[in-house]
Amino acid sequence: MAERQTAEPAIHDVRQEGRLEAHVDGVFAGVIVYFALDEEPHALVAVHTVVDADHEGRGIAGALVRELYAMAAREGVPVVPLCPYAAKWAERHPDEAPLPSDEVVGAARRQLAATPGLW
């Protein structure tokens, strides 16, 4: 029996909604929900990662987190991984996921607490 080949996910930043969405062959496969810190210190804050059940186990969540870190690097800001999956991914990939400062983590937690609808 031949293994099923899966296309690499296409990842799109839907910044106005605070979402990175993954699509495989044009079909929604997963999302990482994030927000940008409003004030200094700026950062992208990952709060929730979900992969559609039909696409689990195919590296979609990891691809989403990796792209969030890459996007933050391009913007010159850190990532605060408040999402448990993103935090675990960052632990496993320290070369791709630099630790944010305590100041940035604190600012992210305060903004999330003050704005519960962020995710």
N, C-alpha and C. Protein backbone atom coordinates (compact mmCIF):
# COMPACT_ATOMS: atom_id res chain seq x y z
N MET A 1 0.84 -1.18 0.00
CA MET A 1 0.00 0.00 0.00
C MET A 1 0.89 1.24 0.00
N ALA A 2 0.63 2.15 -0.89
CA ALA A 2 1.43 3.37 -1.01
C ALA A 2 1.04 4.36 0.07
N GLU A 3 2.06 5.09 0.57
CA GLU A 3 1.78 6.13 1.54
C GLU A 3 1.11 7.30 0.85
N ARG A 4 0.19 7.91 1.55
CA ARG A 4 -0.50 9.08 1.02
C ARG A 4 0.42 10.29 1.11
N GLN A 5 0.66 10.95 0.03
CA GLN A 5 1.49 12.14 0.01
C GLN A 5 0.63 13.35 0.37
N THR A 6 1.15 14.18 1.24
CA THR A 6 0.43 15.37 1.65
C THR A 6 1.20 16.60 1.21
N ALA A 7 0.51 17.53 0.61
CA ALA A 7 1.15 18.77 0.18
C ALA A 7 1.56 19.58 1.40
N GLU A 8 2.60 20.38 1.22
CA GLU A 8 3.00 21.31 2.28
C GLU A 8 1.87 22.31 2.49
N PRO A 9 1.64 22.71 3.75
CA PRO A 9 0.57 23.68 3.97
C PRO A 9 0.94 25.06 3.43
N ALA A 10 -0.04 25.72 2.87
CA ALA A 10 0.09 27.13 2.50
C ALA A 10 -0.36 27.92 3.72
N ILE A 11 0.48 28.80 4.21
CA ILE A 11 0.16 29.54 5.43
C ILE A 11 -0.04 31.01 5.07
N HIS A 12 -1.16 31.56 5.55
CA HIS A 12 -1.54 32.93 5.25
C HIS A 12 -1.75 33.70 6.54
N ASP A 13 -1.20 34.90 6.61
CA ASP A 13 -1.39 35.77 7.76
C ASP A 13 -2.65 36.60 7.55
N VAL A 14 -3.61 36.42 8.44
CA VAL A 14 -4.84 37.22 8.43
C VAL A 14 -4.70 38.17 9.62
N ARG A 15 -3.83 39.15 9.47
CA ARG A 15 -3.42 40.03 10.57
C ARG A 15 -4.59 40.73 11.23
N GLN A 16 -5.55 41.21 10.45
CA GLN A 16 -6.67 41.95 11.03
C GLN A 16 -7.51 41.07 11.96
N GLU A 17 -7.41 39.75 11.81
CA GLU A 17 -8.14 38.83 12.69
C GLU A 17 -7.20 38.15 13.68
N GLY A 18 -5.90 38.43 13.59
CA GLY A 18 -4.93 37.81 14.50
C GLY A 18 -4.83 36.31 14.29
N ARG A 19 -4.71 35.89 13.03
CA ARG A 19 -4.68 34.46 12.73
C ARG A 19 -3.66 34.17 11.64
N LEU A 20 -2.93 33.09 11.84
CA LEU A 20 -2.18 32.48 10.74
C LEU A 20 -2.96 31.23 10.40
N GLU A 21 -3.39 31.12 9.16
CA GLU A 21 -4.19 29.97 8.74
C GLU A 21 -3.37 29.08 7.82
N ALA A 22 -3.52 27.78 8.00
CA ALA A 22 -2.88 26.80 7.13
C ALA A 22 -3.94 26.14 6.26
N HIS A 23 -3.63 26.01 4.97
CA HIS A 23 -4.50 25.32 4.03
C HIS A 23 -3.68 24.27 3.31
N VAL A 24 -4.27 23.11 3.11
CA VAL A 24 -3.63 22.03 2.35
C VAL A 24 -4.52 21.73 1.16
N ASP A 25 -3.96 21.85 -0.02
CA ASP A 25 -4.73 21.65 -1.26
C ASP A 25 -6.00 22.50 -1.27
N GLY A 26 -5.89 23.73 -0.74
CA GLY A 26 -7.01 24.66 -0.74
C GLY A 26 -8.02 24.46 0.37
N VAL A 27 -7.78 23.49 1.24
CA VAL A 27 -8.72 23.17 2.32
C VAL A 27 -8.13 23.65 3.65
N PHE A 28 -8.96 24.33 4.46
CA PHE A 28 -8.52 24.79 5.78
C PHE A 28 -8.01 23.60 6.58
N ALA A 29 -6.81 23.75 7.17
CA ALA A 29 -6.22 22.66 7.93
C ALA A 29 -5.92 23.03 9.37
N GLY A 30 -5.71 24.30 9.66
CA GLY A 30 -5.39 24.68 11.03
C GLY A 30 -5.15 26.17 11.16
N VAL A 31 -5.00 26.60 12.42
CA VAL A 31 -4.85 28.02 12.71
C VAL A 31 -4.04 28.20 13.99
N ILE A 32 -3.26 29.26 14.02
CA ILE A 32 -2.68 29.73 15.28
C ILE A 32 -3.22 31.14 15.48
N VAL A 33 -3.83 31.35 16.63
CA VAL A 33 -4.40 32.66 16.97
C VAL A 33 -3.33 33.43 17.74
N TYR A 34 -3.13 34.68 17.36
CA TYR A 34 -2.12 35.50 18.01
C TYR A 34 -2.60 36.95 18.07
N PHE A 35 -1.89 37.74 18.85
CA PHE A 35 -2.12 39.18 18.82
C PHE A 35 -0.78 39.89 18.91
N ALA A 36 -0.76 41.12 18.49
CA ALA A 36 0.43 41.96 18.59
C ALA A 36 0.28 42.85 19.80
N LEU A 37 1.34 42.97 20.60
CA LEU A 37 1.29 43.88 21.74
C LEU A 37 1.07 45.30 21.24
N ASP A 38 0.14 45.99 21.88
CA ASP A 38 -0.24 47.34 21.47
C ASP A 38 0.87 48.36 21.67
N GLU A 39 1.61 48.22 22.77
CA GLU A 39 2.61 49.21 23.14
C GLU A 39 3.97 48.54 23.29
N GLU A 40 4.99 49.37 23.50
CA GLU A 40 6.34 48.84 23.77
C GLU A 40 6.29 48.00 25.03
N PRO A 41 6.97 46.91 25.09
CA PRO A 41 7.78 46.32 24.03
C PRO A 41 6.88 45.54 23.07
N HIS A 42 7.05 45.73 21.79
CA HIS A 42 6.23 45.04 20.80
C HIS A 42 6.61 43.57 20.72
N ALA A 43 5.63 42.74 20.40
CA ALA A 43 5.84 41.29 20.25
C ALA A 43 4.61 40.70 19.59
N LEU A 44 4.75 39.50 19.08
CA LEU A 44 3.61 38.70 18.63
C LEU A 44 3.37 37.65 19.70
N VAL A 45 2.12 37.50 20.10
CA VAL A 45 1.78 36.63 21.22
C VAL A 45 0.88 35.50 20.74
N ALA A 46 1.38 34.28 20.80
CA ALA A 46 0.61 33.10 20.39
C ALA A 46 -0.28 32.67 21.55
N VAL A 47 -1.59 32.56 21.28
CA VAL A 47 -2.51 32.19 22.36
C VAL A 47 -3.25 30.88 22.15
N HIS A 48 -3.34 30.39 20.91
CA HIS A 48 -4.11 29.16 20.70
C HIS A 48 -3.74 28.57 19.34
N THR A 49 -3.53 27.26 19.30
CA THR A 49 -3.25 26.56 18.05
C THR A 49 -4.22 25.40 17.92
N VAL A 50 -4.85 25.30 16.75
CA VAL A 50 -5.82 24.23 16.50
C VAL A 50 -5.57 23.68 15.10
N VAL A 51 -5.61 22.35 14.99
CA VAL A 51 -5.51 21.68 13.69
C VAL A 51 -6.77 20.86 13.49
N ASP A 52 -7.34 20.96 12.30
CA ASP A 52 -8.52 20.18 11.94
C ASP A 52 -8.21 18.69 12.10
N ALA A 53 -9.17 17.94 12.62
CA ALA A 53 -8.96 16.51 12.89
C ALA A 53 -8.49 15.74 11.65
N ASP A 54 -8.95 16.12 10.48
CA ASP A 54 -8.54 15.44 9.25
C ASP A 54 -7.09 15.69 8.88
N HIS A 55 -6.45 16.66 9.53
CA HIS A 55 -5.07 17.01 9.19
C HIS A 55 -4.10 16.81 10.35
N GLU A 56 -4.56 16.21 11.45
CA GLU A 56 -3.69 15.99 12.60
C GLU A 56 -2.55 15.05 12.25
N GLY A 57 -1.43 15.25 12.93
CA GLY A 57 -0.29 14.36 12.76
C GLY A 57 0.50 14.59 11.49
N ARG A 58 0.30 15.70 10.83
CA ARG A 58 0.98 15.98 9.56
C ARG A 58 1.91 17.19 9.64
N GLY A 59 2.16 17.66 10.85
CA GLY A 59 3.09 18.78 11.01
C GLY A 59 2.50 20.15 10.80
N ILE A 60 1.18 20.23 10.74
CA ILE A 60 0.52 21.52 10.48
C ILE A 60 0.76 22.49 11.64
N ALA A 61 0.55 22.04 12.88
CA ALA A 61 0.73 22.92 14.03
C ALA A 61 2.16 23.44 14.10
N GLY A 62 3.12 22.55 13.90
CA GLY A 62 4.52 22.97 13.91
C GLY A 62 4.82 23.98 12.81
N ALA A 63 4.25 23.78 11.64
CA ALA A 63 4.46 24.71 10.53
C ALA A 63 3.88 26.09 10.87
N LEU A 64 2.74 26.11 11.55
CA LEU A 64 2.13 27.38 11.94
C LEU A 64 3.01 28.12 12.95
N VAL A 65 3.49 27.41 13.96
CA VAL A 65 4.34 28.05 14.97
C VAL A 65 5.64 28.52 14.34
N ARG A 66 6.24 27.68 13.51
CA ARG A 66 7.49 28.06 12.83
C ARG A 66 7.28 29.35 12.02
N GLU A 67 6.17 29.44 11.32
CA GLU A 67 5.91 30.64 10.51
C GLU A 67 5.69 31.86 11.40
N LEU A 68 5.04 31.69 12.56
CA LEU A 68 4.86 32.83 13.46
C LEU A 68 6.22 33.36 13.92
N TYR A 69 7.13 32.44 14.27
CA TYR A 69 8.48 32.87 14.67
C TYR A 69 9.21 33.53 13.50
N ALA A 70 9.07 32.99 12.31
CA ALA A 70 9.72 33.58 11.14
C ALA A 70 9.16 34.97 10.85
N MET A 71 7.85 35.11 10.96
CA MET A 71 7.20 36.40 10.73
C MET A 71 7.69 37.42 11.76
N ALA A 72 7.77 37.00 13.03
CA ALA A 72 8.26 37.90 14.09
C ALA A 72 9.71 38.31 13.82
N ALA A 73 10.52 37.37 13.37
CA ALA A 73 11.92 37.69 13.06
C ALA A 73 12.00 38.73 11.94
N ARG A 74 11.16 38.57 10.92
CA ARG A 74 11.15 39.54 9.82
C ARG A 74 10.74 40.92 10.30
N GLU A 75 9.86 40.96 11.31
CA GLU A 75 9.38 42.24 11.86
C GLU A 75 10.28 42.78 12.96
N GLY A 76 11.26 41.98 13.39
CA GLY A 76 12.18 42.42 14.43
C GLY A 76 11.59 42.44 15.82
N VAL A 77 10.62 41.55 16.08
CA VAL A 77 9.99 41.47 17.40
C VAL A 77 10.05 40.03 17.90
N PRO A 78 9.96 39.83 19.22
CA PRO A 78 9.95 38.47 19.75
C PRO A 78 8.55 37.86 19.68
N VAL A 79 8.50 36.56 19.93
CA VAL A 79 7.24 35.84 20.10
C VAL A 79 7.10 35.49 21.57
N VAL A 80 5.90 35.66 22.10
CA VAL A 80 5.58 35.19 23.45
C VAL A 80 4.64 34.01 23.27
N PRO A 81 5.10 32.79 23.54
CA PRO A 81 4.27 31.61 23.31
C PRO A 81 3.39 31.27 24.52
N LEU A 82 2.27 31.97 24.68
CA LEU A 82 1.35 31.67 25.77
C LEU A 82 0.53 30.42 25.47
N CYS A 83 0.40 30.07 24.21
CA CYS A 83 -0.27 28.83 23.80
C CYS A 83 0.60 27.65 24.25
N PRO A 84 0.02 26.66 24.93
CA PRO A 84 0.82 25.52 25.39
C PRO A 84 1.56 24.79 24.27
N TYR A 85 0.91 24.62 23.12
CA TYR A 85 1.59 23.93 22.02
C TYR A 85 2.78 24.75 21.54
N ALA A 86 2.58 26.05 21.35
CA ALA A 86 3.66 26.92 20.89
C ALA A 86 4.81 26.94 21.90
N ALA A 87 4.48 26.94 23.19
CA ALA A 87 5.52 26.93 24.22
C ALA A 87 6.34 25.64 24.16
N LYS A 88 5.67 24.51 24.00
CA LYS A 88 6.37 23.23 23.91
C LYS A 88 7.22 23.18 22.64
N TRP A 89 6.69 23.68 21.52
CA TRP A 89 7.44 23.72 20.27
C TRP A 89 8.70 24.57 20.45
N ALA A 90 8.57 25.71 21.12
CA ALA A 90 9.71 26.60 21.34
C ALA A 90 10.78 25.91 22.18
N GLU A 91 10.37 25.13 23.18
CA GLU A 91 11.34 24.38 23.99
C GLU A 91 12.11 23.38 23.13
N ARG A 92 11.43 22.76 22.18
CA ARG A 92 12.07 21.74 21.33
C ARG A 92 12.89 22.35 20.20
N HIS A 93 12.71 23.63 19.91
CA HIS A 93 13.40 24.29 18.79
C HIS A 93 14.05 25.60 19.26
N PRO A 94 14.94 25.54 20.24
CA PRO A 94 15.51 26.79 20.78
C PRO A 94 16.30 27.59 19.75
N ASP A 95 16.82 26.94 18.73
CA ASP A 95 17.56 27.67 17.70
C ASP A 95 16.64 28.51 16.81
N GLU A 96 15.36 28.15 16.76
CA GLU A 96 14.39 28.90 15.95
C GLU A 96 13.48 29.78 16.80
N ALA A 97 13.51 29.57 18.11
CA ALA A 97 12.55 30.22 19.00
C ALA A 97 13.26 30.88 20.18
N PRO A 98 13.86 32.04 19.97
CA PRO A 98 14.54 32.71 21.07
C PRO A 98 13.56 33.06 22.19
N LEU A 99 14.06 32.98 23.41
CA LEU A 99 13.22 33.29 24.57
C LEU A 99 12.93 34.78 24.63
N PRO A 100 11.67 35.14 24.89
CA PRO A 100 11.35 36.56 25.08
C PRO A 100 11.78 37.00 26.48
N SER A 101 11.97 38.28 26.65
CA SER A 101 12.34 38.80 27.97
C SER A 101 11.16 38.69 28.92
N ASP A 102 11.46 38.69 30.21
CA ASP A 102 10.39 38.67 31.22
C ASP A 102 9.48 39.88 31.08
N GLU A 103 10.06 41.02 30.69
CA GLU A 103 9.28 42.24 30.49
C GLU A 103 8.22 42.04 29.40
N VAL A 104 8.62 41.42 28.29
CA VAL A 104 7.69 41.19 27.18
C VAL A 104 6.61 40.19 27.58
N VAL A 105 7.01 39.12 28.28
CA VAL A 105 6.03 38.12 28.72
C VAL A 105 5.02 38.77 29.66
N GLY A 106 5.48 39.59 30.58
CA GLY A 106 4.58 40.27 31.50
C GLY A 106 3.61 41.19 30.77
N ALA A 107 4.12 41.94 29.80
CA ALA A 107 3.26 42.83 29.01
C ALA A 107 2.21 42.04 28.24
N ALA A 108 2.61 40.89 27.70
CA ALA A 108 1.66 40.05 26.95
C ALA A 108 0.57 39.52 27.86
N ARG A 109 0.96 39.05 29.04
CA ARG A 109 -0.04 38.53 29.99
C ARG A 109 -1.00 39.63 30.44
N ARG A 110 -0.48 40.83 30.67
CA ARG A 110 -1.34 41.94 31.09
C ARG A 110 -2.33 42.31 29.99
N GLN A 111 -1.85 42.38 28.73
CA GLN A 111 -2.76 42.75 27.64
C GLN A 111 -3.82 41.67 27.44
N LEU A 112 -3.44 40.40 27.55
CA LEU A 112 -4.41 39.32 27.40
C LEU A 112 -5.45 39.37 28.52
N ALA A 113 -5.01 39.61 29.75
CA ALA A 113 -5.94 39.68 30.88
C ALA A 113 -6.88 40.87 30.75
N ALA A 114 -6.38 41.98 30.22
CA ALA A 114 -7.19 43.19 30.08
C ALA A 114 -8.15 43.12 28.90
N THR A 115 -7.89 42.21 27.97
CA THR A 115 -8.70 42.10 26.76
C THR A 115 -9.03 40.63 26.51
N PRO A 116 -9.96 40.05 27.30
CA PRO A 116 -10.22 38.62 27.19
C PRO A 116 -10.70 38.17 25.81
N GLY A 117 -11.25 39.05 25.02
CA GLY A 117 -11.73 38.68 23.69
C GLY A 117 -10.63 38.53 22.66
N LEU A 118 -9.36 38.65 23.06
CA LEU A 118 -8.27 38.52 22.11
C LEU A 118 -8.22 37.14 21.47
N TRP A 119 -8.78 36.18 22.13
CA TRP A 119 -8.86 34.85 21.52
C TRP A 119 -10.09 34.19 22.04
